[in-house]
Amino acid sequence: MLYEIGPGRARACFDVPVSFCQSPNRTELLWESYRQIVPSPARSAFRRALADRPIAWATNQFRSRAEFGREGIALAGDAVGHFHPLTAVGLTLGFQDAVCLAESSSVAAYRRERSLSTRVSEVLATALYEAFTMADDETGAVRAALFDLWRADAGERERTMRLLSAQESDPAEFVRVFRLVLARTLGKTAARGQWARAPRILLSLSGPLQWRRLADWSSSRRAPLDFLAPFRRYSRP
């Protein structure tokens, strides 16, 4: 991520493996790994910054938004829970937490409202980070299908933004989008005659903790959602 911080000045942020921070050759690792993706007009400045300036590190960790405080002490924003900043969901939810807290009659009421209305945003943000960053072939196929969907359908682009911004909090809506992307992924896989990849694609999507967490949460609301049900036939040998 590159953004302007003043006339002729920009800040660059890179998402890197933890091993980079611990390596004595981290400056060279950053240069060799990322120089090709830095826009050419900024490449020489990137090289100078690595050579002349200290690198600032920030840890990205996941913590589910589960603790909202207790009577007399309310938590908001990253104090409740946090995840990767790629989708900027944390900033959005932090402002919404503050507004909800100001309008709530108690911390318990605040907790109930925010627990129900932010879970889908949390799960989607984590899922998109994995889709954008994992390097295996199965995730790559899902990522390509997701981009195709967004490019082709303005309504789906808007729906994704509504889910990320918590304007839409119904887990069924998230599951609908999930199924749509999965169907596109499997459809492309079938068109290429690569049916052997279909079970691996399903396993790569059904295993992560966030899917189980969403399913458990949906069941607790008496609205069980088996979002893989239409595709289970593809996972058979």
C-alpha atoms as a PDB file:
ATOM      1  CA  MET A   1       0.000   0.000   0.000  1.00  0.00           C
ATOM      2  CA  LEU A   2       1.364   3.407  -1.026  1.00  0.00           C
ATOM      3  CA  TYR A   3      -0.214   6.697  -0.017  1.00  0.00           C
ATOM      4  CA  GLU A   4       0.778  10.360  -0.006  1.00  0.00           C
ATOM      5  CA  ILE A   5       1.680  11.952   3.348  1.00  0.00           C
ATOM      6  CA  GLY A   6       2.894  15.321   2.047  1.00  0.00           C
ATOM      7  CA  PRO A   7       4.129  17.133  -1.074  1.00  0.00           C
ATOM      8  CA  GLY A   8       6.450  14.730  -2.856  1.00  0.00           C
ATOM      9  CA  ARG A   9       6.343  12.254   0.055  1.00  0.00           C
ATOM     10  CA  ALA A  10       4.668   8.874   0.330  1.00  0.00           C
ATOM     11  CA  ARG A  11       4.527   6.077   2.858  1.00  0.00           C
ATOM     12  CA  ALA A  12       4.837   2.427   1.766  1.00  0.00           C
ATOM     13  CA  CYS A  13       3.388  -0.456   3.774  1.00  0.00           C
ATOM     14  CA  PHE A  14       4.194  -4.085   2.936  1.00  0.00           C
ATOM     15  CA  ASP A  15       2.590  -7.240   4.263  1.00  0.00           C
ATOM     16  CA  VAL A  16       5.554  -9.544   4.906  1.00  0.00           C
ATOM     17  CA  PRO A  17       6.220 -12.941   6.521  1.00  0.00           C
ATOM     18  CA  VAL A  18       7.291 -12.828  10.160  1.00  0.00           C
ATOM     19  CA  SER A  19      10.620 -14.381   9.154  1.00  0.00           C
ATOM     20  CA  PHE A  20      11.549 -11.147   7.344  1.00  0.00           C
ATOM     21  CA  CYS A  21      11.523  -9.221  10.614  1.00  0.00           C
ATOM     22  CA  GLN A  22      13.891 -11.717  12.221  1.00  0.00           C
ATOM     23  CA  SER A  23      16.367 -11.979   9.353  1.00  0.00           C
ATOM     24  CA  PRO A  24      19.672 -10.063   9.568  1.00  0.00           C
ATOM     25  CA  ASN A  25      19.298  -9.499   5.791  1.00  0.00           C
ATOM     26  CA  ARG A  26      15.788  -8.086   6.006  1.00  0.00           C
ATOM     27  CA  THR A  27      16.639  -4.947   4.015  1.00  0.00           C
ATOM     28  CA  GLU A  28      17.804  -7.004   1.055  1.00  0.00           C
ATOM     29  CA  LEU A  29      14.891  -9.392   1.458  1.00  0.00           C
ATOM     30  CA  LEU A  30      12.441  -6.515   1.208  1.00  0.00           C
ATOM     31  CA  TRP A  31      14.199  -5.091  -1.850  1.00  0.00           C
ATOM     32  CA  GLU A  32      14.440  -8.391  -3.733  1.00  0.00           C
ATOM     33  CA  SER A  33      10.900  -9.467  -2.831  1.00  0.00           C
ATOM     34  CA  TYR A  34       9.008  -6.248  -3.507  1.00  0.00           C
ATOM     35  CA  ARG A  35      10.937  -4.094  -5.967  1.00  0.00           C
ATOM     36  CA  GLN A  36       9.043  -5.475  -8.953  1.00  0.00           C
ATOM     37  CA  ILE A  37       5.650  -4.531  -7.516  1.00  0.00           C
ATOM     38  CA  VAL A  38       6.640  -0.994  -6.479  1.00  0.00           C
ATOM     39  CA  PRO A  39       5.620   1.432  -9.270  1.00  0.00           C
ATOM     40  CA  SER A  40       8.684   2.281 -11.355  1.00  0.00           C
ATOM     41  CA  PRO A  41       8.632   6.062 -10.533  1.00  0.00           C
ATOM     42  CA  ALA A  42       8.938   5.179  -6.817  1.00  0.00           C
ATOM     43  CA  ARG A  43      11.431   2.325  -7.116  1.00  0.00           C
ATOM     44  CA  SER A  44      14.604   4.355  -6.617  1.00  0.00           C
ATOM     45  CA  ALA A  45      13.036   6.126  -3.616  1.00  0.00           C
ATOM     46  CA  PHE A  46      12.120   2.735  -2.181  1.00  0.00           C
ATOM     47  CA  ARG A  47      15.737   1.627  -2.502  1.00  0.00           C
ATOM     48  CA  ARG A  48      17.049   4.812  -0.848  1.00  0.00           C
ATOM     49  CA  ALA A  49      14.555   4.520   2.001  1.00  0.00           C
ATOM     50  CA  LEU A  50      15.661   0.964   2.720  1.00  0.00           C
ATOM     51  CA  ALA A  51      19.309   2.036   2.742  1.00  0.00           C
ATOM     52  CA  ASP A  52      19.015   5.296   4.683  1.00  0.00           C
ATOM     53  CA  ARG A  53      16.024   5.002   7.007  1.00  0.00           C
ATOM     54  CA  PRO A  54      15.086   2.554   9.772  1.00  0.00           C
ATOM     55  CA  ILE A  55      12.239   0.185   8.969  1.00  0.00           C
ATOM     56  CA  ALA A  56       9.172   0.498  11.193  1.00  0.00           C
ATOM     57  CA  TRP A  57       7.471  -2.815  11.983  1.00  0.00           C
ATOM     58  CA  ALA A  58       3.884  -3.411  13.078  1.00  0.00           C
ATOM     59  CA  THR A  59       2.405  -6.767  14.063  1.00  0.00           C
ATOM     60  CA  ASN A  60      -0.784  -7.934  12.380  1.00  0.00           C
ATOM     61  CA  GLN A  61      -2.698 -10.427  14.477  1.00  0.00           C
ATOM     62  CA  PHE A  62      -6.221 -11.815  14.586  1.00  0.00           C
ATOM     63  CA  ARG A  63      -8.393 -11.588  17.670  1.00  0.00           C
ATOM     64  CA  SER A  64     -12.095 -12.347  17.370  1.00  0.00           C
ATOM     65  CA  ARG A  65     -14.450  -9.532  18.388  1.00  0.00           C
ATOM     66  CA  ALA A  66     -15.772 -11.328  21.460  1.00  0.00           C
ATOM     67  CA  GLU A  67     -15.050  -9.090  24.468  1.00  0.00           C
ATOM     68  CA  PHE A  68     -17.046  -5.855  24.701  1.00  0.00           C
ATOM     69  CA  GLY A  69     -16.354  -5.115  28.376  1.00  0.00           C
ATOM     70  CA  ARG A  70     -18.627  -5.158  31.410  1.00  0.00           C
ATOM     71  CA  GLU A  71     -20.861  -2.735  33.239  1.00  0.00           C
ATOM     72  CA  GLY A  72     -18.853   0.401  33.924  1.00  0.00           C
ATOM     73  CA  ILE A  73     -16.179  -0.441  31.357  1.00  0.00           C
ATOM     74  CA  ALA A  74     -17.004  -0.669  27.645  1.00  0.00           C
ATOM     75  CA  LEU A  75     -14.515  -1.571  24.923  1.00  0.00           C
ATOM     76  CA  ALA A  76     -14.639  -0.335  21.328  1.00  0.00           C
ATOM     77  CA  GLY A  77     -12.654  -0.712  18.124  1.00  0.00           C
ATOM     78  CA  ASP A  78      -9.471  -2.785  18.270  1.00  0.00           C
ATOM     79  CA  ALA A  79      -9.895  -3.234  22.026  1.00  0.00           C
ATOM     80  CA  VAL A  80     -12.846  -5.520  21.218  1.00  0.00           C
ATOM     81  CA  GLY A  81     -10.983  -7.512  18.551  1.00  0.00           C
ATOM     82  CA  HIS A  82      -8.852  -6.953  15.495  1.00  0.00           C
ATOM     83  CA  PHE A  83      -7.771  -8.480  12.195  1.00  0.00           C
ATOM     84  CA  HIS A  84      -5.665  -7.604   9.162  1.00  0.00           C
ATOM     85  CA  PRO A  85      -6.130  -3.996   7.963  1.00  0.00           C
ATOM     86  CA  LEU A  86      -6.263  -4.918   4.255  1.00  0.00           C
ATOM     87  CA  THR A  87     -10.017  -4.292   3.993  1.00  0.00           C
ATOM     88  CA  ALA A  88     -10.103  -1.344   6.464  1.00  0.00           C
ATOM     89  CA  VAL A  89     -12.950  -3.032   8.327  1.00  0.00           C
ATOM     90  CA  GLY A  90     -11.396  -2.311  11.728  1.00  0.00           C
ATOM     91  CA  LEU A  91     -11.636   1.449  11.291  1.00  0.00           C
ATOM     92  CA  THR A  92     -15.246   1.205  10.141  1.00  0.00           C
ATOM     93  CA  LEU A  93     -16.273  -1.047  13.020  1.00  0.00           C
ATOM     94  CA  GLY A  94     -14.484   1.169  15.533  1.00  0.00           C
ATOM     95  CA  PHE A  95     -16.550   4.217  14.551  1.00  0.00           C
ATOM     96  CA  GLN A  96     -19.725   2.138  14.546  1.00  0.00           C
ATOM     97  CA  ASP A  97     -18.869   0.769  18.004  1.00  0.00           C
ATOM     98  CA  ALA A  98     -18.583   4.308  19.336  1.00  0.00           C
ATOM     99  CA  VAL A  99     -21.914   5.377  17.852  1.00  0.00           C
ATOM    100  CA  CYS A 100     -23.678   2.256  19.130  1.00  0.00           C
ATOM    101  CA  LEU A 101     -22.207   2.667  22.615  1.00  0.00           C
ATOM    102  CA  ALA A 102     -23.364   6.288  22.775  1.00  0.00           C
ATOM    103  CA  GLU A 103     -26.886   5.208  21.837  1.00  0.00           C
ATOM    104  CA  SER A 104     -27.089   2.118  24.106  1.00  0.00           C
ATOM    105  CA  SER A 105     -28.721   2.086  27.524  1.00  0.00           C
ATOM    106  CA  SER A 106     -26.111  -0.290  28.997  1.00  0.00           C
ATOM    107  CA  VAL A 107     -22.928  -2.174  28.158  1.00  0.00           C
ATOM    108  CA  ALA A 108     -25.003  -5.359  27.947  1.00  0.00           C
ATOM    109  CA  ALA A 109     -27.283  -3.803  25.347  1.00  0.00           C
ATOM    110  CA  TYR A 110     -24.245  -2.521  23.443  1.00  0.00           C
ATOM    111  CA  ARG A 111     -22.696  -6.012  23.502  1.00  0.00           C
ATOM    112  CA  ARG A 112     -25.863  -7.653  22.192  1.00  0.00           C
ATOM    113  CA  GLU A 113     -26.229  -5.217  19.324  1.00  0.00           C
ATOM    114  CA  ARG A 114     -22.608  -5.271  18.190  1.00  0.00           C
ATOM    115  CA  SER A 115     -22.194  -9.041  18.590  1.00  0.00           C
ATOM    116  CA  LEU A 116     -25.017  -9.593  16.119  1.00  0.00           C
ATOM    117  CA  SER A 117     -24.173  -6.859  13.637  1.00  0.00           C
ATOM    118  CA  THR A 118     -20.408  -7.215  13.184  1.00  0.00           C
ATOM    119  CA  ARG A 119     -19.719 -10.946  12.901  1.00  0.00           C
ATOM    120  CA  VAL A 120     -20.239 -11.120   9.134  1.00  0.00           C
ATOM    121  CA  SER A 121     -17.856  -8.198   8.548  1.00  0.00           C
ATOM    122  CA  GLU A 122     -15.229  -9.902  10.691  1.00  0.00           C
ATOM    123  CA  VAL A 123     -15.512 -13.224   8.873  1.00  0.00           C
ATOM    124  CA  LEU A 124     -15.526 -11.615   5.417  1.00  0.00           C
ATOM    125  CA  ALA A 125     -12.484  -9.451   6.177  1.00  0.00           C
ATOM    126  CA  THR A 126     -10.510 -12.498   7.306  1.00  0.00           C
ATOM    127  CA  ALA A 127     -11.673 -14.591   4.350  1.00  0.00           C
ATOM    128  CA  LEU A 128     -10.721 -11.881   1.834  1.00  0.00           C
ATOM    129  CA  TYR A 129      -7.268 -11.522   3.375  1.00  0.00           C
ATOM    130  CA  GLU A 130      -6.698 -15.255   2.952  1.00  0.00           C
ATOM    131  CA  ALA A 131      -8.055 -15.173  -0.606  1.00  0.00           C
ATOM    132  CA  PHE A 132      -5.761 -12.288  -1.553  1.00  0.00           C
ATOM    133  CA  THR A 133      -2.572 -13.565   0.061  1.00  0.00           C
ATOM    134  CA  MET A 134      -2.400 -17.366   0.138  1.00  0.00           C
ATOM    135  CA  ALA A 135      -0.251 -18.751  -2.690  1.00  0.00           C
ATOM    136  CA  ASP A 136      -1.666 -22.260  -3.233  1.00  0.00           C
ATOM    137  CA  ASP A 137      -3.402 -23.094  -6.531  1.00  0.00           C
ATOM    138  CA  GLU A 138      -6.792 -23.683  -4.941  1.00  0.00           C
ATOM    139  CA  THR A 139      -6.911 -20.253  -3.309  1.00  0.00           C
ATOM    140  CA  GLY A 140      -5.680 -18.756  -6.570  1.00  0.00           C
ATOM    141  CA  ALA A 141      -8.672 -20.245  -8.366  1.00  0.00           C
ATOM    142  CA  VAL A 142     -11.050 -18.774  -5.781  1.00  0.00           C
ATOM    143  CA  ARG A 143      -9.312 -15.400  -6.020  1.00  0.00           C
ATOM    144  CA  ALA A 144      -9.674 -15.349  -9.821  1.00  0.00           C
ATOM    145  CA  ALA A 145     -13.381 -16.205  -9.557  1.00  0.00           C
ATOM    146  CA  LEU A 146     -13.876 -13.445  -6.987  1.00  0.00           C
ATOM    147  CA  PHE A 147     -12.228 -10.849  -9.231  1.00  0.00           C
ATOM    148  CA  ASP A 148     -14.277 -12.035 -12.216  1.00  0.00           C
ATOM    149  CA  LEU A 149     -17.462 -11.642 -10.197  1.00  0.00           C
ATOM    150  CA  TRP A 150     -16.597  -8.103  -9.072  1.00  0.00           C
ATOM    151  CA  ARG A 151     -15.566  -7.016 -12.580  1.00  0.00           C
ATOM    152  CA  ALA A 152     -18.731  -8.378 -14.172  1.00  0.00           C
ATOM    153  CA  ASP A 153     -21.388  -7.396 -11.637  1.00  0.00           C
ATOM    154  CA  ALA A 154     -21.657  -3.943 -10.061  1.00  0.00           C
ATOM    155  CA  GLY A 155     -24.363  -5.242  -7.753  1.00  0.00           C
ATOM    156  CA  GLU A 156     -22.010  -7.847  -6.282  1.00  0.00           C
ATOM    157  CA  ARG A 157     -19.311  -5.227  -5.786  1.00  0.00           C
ATOM    158  CA  GLU A 158     -21.770  -3.079  -3.869  1.00  0.00           C
ATOM    159  CA  ARG A 159     -23.001  -6.058  -1.866  1.00  0.00           C
ATOM    160  CA  THR A 160     -19.456  -6.924  -0.797  1.00  0.00           C
ATOM    161  CA  MET A 161     -18.913  -3.360   0.387  1.00  0.00           C
ATOM    162  CA  ARG A 162     -22.189  -3.442   2.305  1.00  0.00           C
ATOM    163  CA  LEU A 163     -21.055  -6.616   4.065  1.00  0.00           C
ATOM    164  CA  LEU A 164     -17.626  -5.191   4.873  1.00  0.00           C
ATOM    165  CA  SER A 165     -19.081  -1.942   6.192  1.00  0.00           C
ATOM    166  CA  ALA A 166     -21.676  -3.797   8.311  1.00  0.00           C
ATOM    167  CA  GLN A 167     -24.543  -2.117   6.477  1.00  0.00           C
ATOM    168  CA  GLU A 168     -25.619  -5.687   5.746  1.00  0.00           C
ATOM    169  CA  SER A 169     -25.221  -8.093   8.678  1.00  0.00           C
ATOM    170  CA  ASP A 170     -27.355 -11.081   7.673  1.00  0.00           C
ATOM    171  CA  PRO A 171     -25.110 -14.205   7.569  1.00  0.00           C
ATOM    172  CA  ALA A 172     -27.388 -15.671   4.898  1.00  0.00           C
ATOM    173  CA  GLU A 173     -26.300 -12.876   2.557  1.00  0.00           C
ATOM    174  CA  PHE A 174     -22.640 -13.694   3.157  1.00  0.00           C
ATOM    175  CA  VAL A 175     -23.345 -17.377   2.504  1.00  0.00           C
ATOM    176  CA  ARG A 176     -25.118 -16.488  -0.754  1.00  0.00           C
ATOM    177  CA  VAL A 177     -22.024 -14.643  -2.001  1.00  0.00           C
ATOM    178  CA  PHE A 178     -19.802 -17.481  -0.788  1.00  0.00           C
ATOM    179  CA  ARG A 179     -21.824 -20.001  -2.785  1.00  0.00           C
ATOM    180  CA  LEU A 180     -21.770 -17.791  -5.865  1.00  0.00           C
ATOM    181  CA  VAL A 181     -17.972 -17.478  -5.809  1.00  0.00           C
ATOM    182  CA  LEU A 182     -17.567 -21.184  -5.136  1.00  0.00           C
ATOM    183  CA  ALA A 183     -19.895 -22.076  -8.024  1.00  0.00           C
ATOM    184  CA  ARG A 184     -17.859 -19.881 -10.382  1.00  0.00           C
ATOM    185  CA  THR A 185     -14.645 -21.468  -9.152  1.00  0.00           C
ATOM    186  CA  LEU A 186     -15.904 -25.009  -9.667  1.00  0.00           C
ATOM    187  CA  GLY A 187     -17.446 -24.061 -13.015  1.00  0.00           C
ATOM    188  CA  LYS A 188     -14.100 -22.824 -14.345  1.00  0.00           C
ATOM    189  CA  THR A 189     -12.380 -25.888 -12.940  1.00  0.00           C
ATOM    190  CA  ALA A 190     -14.846 -28.155 -14.744  1.00  0.00           C
ATOM    191  CA  ALA A 191     -14.533 -26.209 -18.002  1.00  0.00           C
ATOM    192  CA  ARG A 192     -10.793 -26.850 -17.973  1.00  0.00           C
ATOM    193  CA  GLY A 193     -11.297 -30.539 -17.266  1.00  0.00           C
ATOM    194  CA  GLN A 194      -9.586 -30.220 -13.891  1.00  0.00           C
ATOM    195  CA  TRP A 195     -12.147 -32.049 -11.780  1.00  0.00           C
ATOM    196  CA  ALA A 196      -9.419 -33.533  -9.602  1.00  0.00           C
ATOM    197  CA  ARG A 197      -8.879 -30.048  -8.145  1.00  0.00           C
ATOM    198  CA  ALA A 198     -12.501 -29.651  -7.008  1.00  0.00           C
ATOM    199  CA  PRO A 199     -12.162 -31.597  -3.715  1.00  0.00           C
ATOM    200  CA  ARG A 200      -9.030 -29.617  -2.828  1.00  0.00           C
ATOM    201  CA  ILE A 201     -10.857 -26.350  -3.485  1.00  0.00           C
ATOM    202  CA  LEU A 202     -13.694 -27.418  -1.203  1.00  0.00           C
ATOM    203  CA  LEU A 203     -11.309 -28.503   1.529  1.00  0.00           C
ATOM    204  CA  SER A 204      -9.363 -25.239   1.311  1.00  0.00           C
ATOM    205  CA  LEU A 205     -12.577 -23.303   1.924  1.00  0.00           C
ATOM    206  CA  SER A 206     -14.387 -25.520   4.425  1.00  0.00           C
ATOM    207  CA  GLY A 207     -11.517 -25.940   6.884  1.00  0.00           C
ATOM    208  CA  PRO A 208     -10.599 -22.439   8.161  1.00  0.00           C
ATOM    209  CA  LEU A 209     -11.798 -21.469  11.624  1.00  0.00           C
ATOM    210  CA  GLN A 210     -13.860 -18.506  10.407  1.00  0.00           C
ATOM    211  CA  TRP A 211     -16.265 -20.700   8.423  1.00  0.00           C
ATOM    212  CA  ARG A 212     -16.917 -22.899  11.459  1.00  0.00           C
ATOM    213  CA  ARG A 213     -17.305 -19.830  13.627  1.00  0.00           C
ATOM    214  CA  LEU A 214     -19.922 -18.353  11.291  1.00  0.00           C
ATOM    215  CA  ALA A 215     -21.787 -21.655  11.076  1.00  0.00           C
ATOM    216  CA  ASP A 216     -21.793 -22.020  14.872  1.00  0.00           C
ATOM    217  CA  TRP A 217     -22.983 -18.453  15.296  1.00  0.00           C
ATOM    218  CA  SER A 218     -25.742 -18.947  12.724  1.00  0.00           C
ATOM    219  CA  SER A 219     -26.908 -22.084  14.513  1.00  0.00           C
ATOM    220  CA  SER A 220     -27.004 -20.229  17.814  1.00  0.00           C
ATOM    221  CA  ARG A 221     -29.483 -17.828  16.193  1.00  0.00           C
ATOM    222  CA  ARG A 222     -31.667 -20.810  15.177  1.00  0.00           C
ATOM    223  CA  ALA A 223     -30.793 -20.222  11.535  1.00  0.00           C
ATOM    224  CA  PRO A 224     -28.355 -23.025  10.678  1.00  0.00           C
ATOM    225  CA  LEU A 225     -26.549 -22.337   7.418  1.00  0.00           C
ATOM    226  CA  ASP A 226     -24.849 -25.199   5.587  1.00  0.00           C
ATOM    227  CA  PHE A 227     -23.225 -23.114   2.881  1.00  0.00           C
ATOM    228  CA  LEU A 228     -21.388 -26.061   1.290  1.00  0.00           C
ATOM    229  CA  ALA A 229     -24.504 -28.210   0.921  1.00  0.00           C
ATOM    230  CA  PRO A 230     -25.099 -27.509  -2.817  1.00  0.00           C
ATOM    231  CA  PHE A 231     -21.523 -28.514  -3.609  1.00  0.00           C
ATOM    232  CA  ARG A 232     -20.957 -31.619  -1.492  1.00  0.00           C
ATOM    233  CA  ARG A 233     -21.324 -33.903  -4.514  1.00  0.00           C
ATOM    234  CA  TYR A 234     -18.105 -32.428  -5.918  1.00  0.00           C
ATOM    235  CA  SER A 235     -16.079 -33.598  -2.920  1.00  0.00           C
ATOM    236  CA  ARG A 236     -16.740 -37.286  -3.556  1.00  0.00           C
ATOM    237  CA  PRO A 237     -13.928 -39.377  -5.133  1.00  0.00           C
END
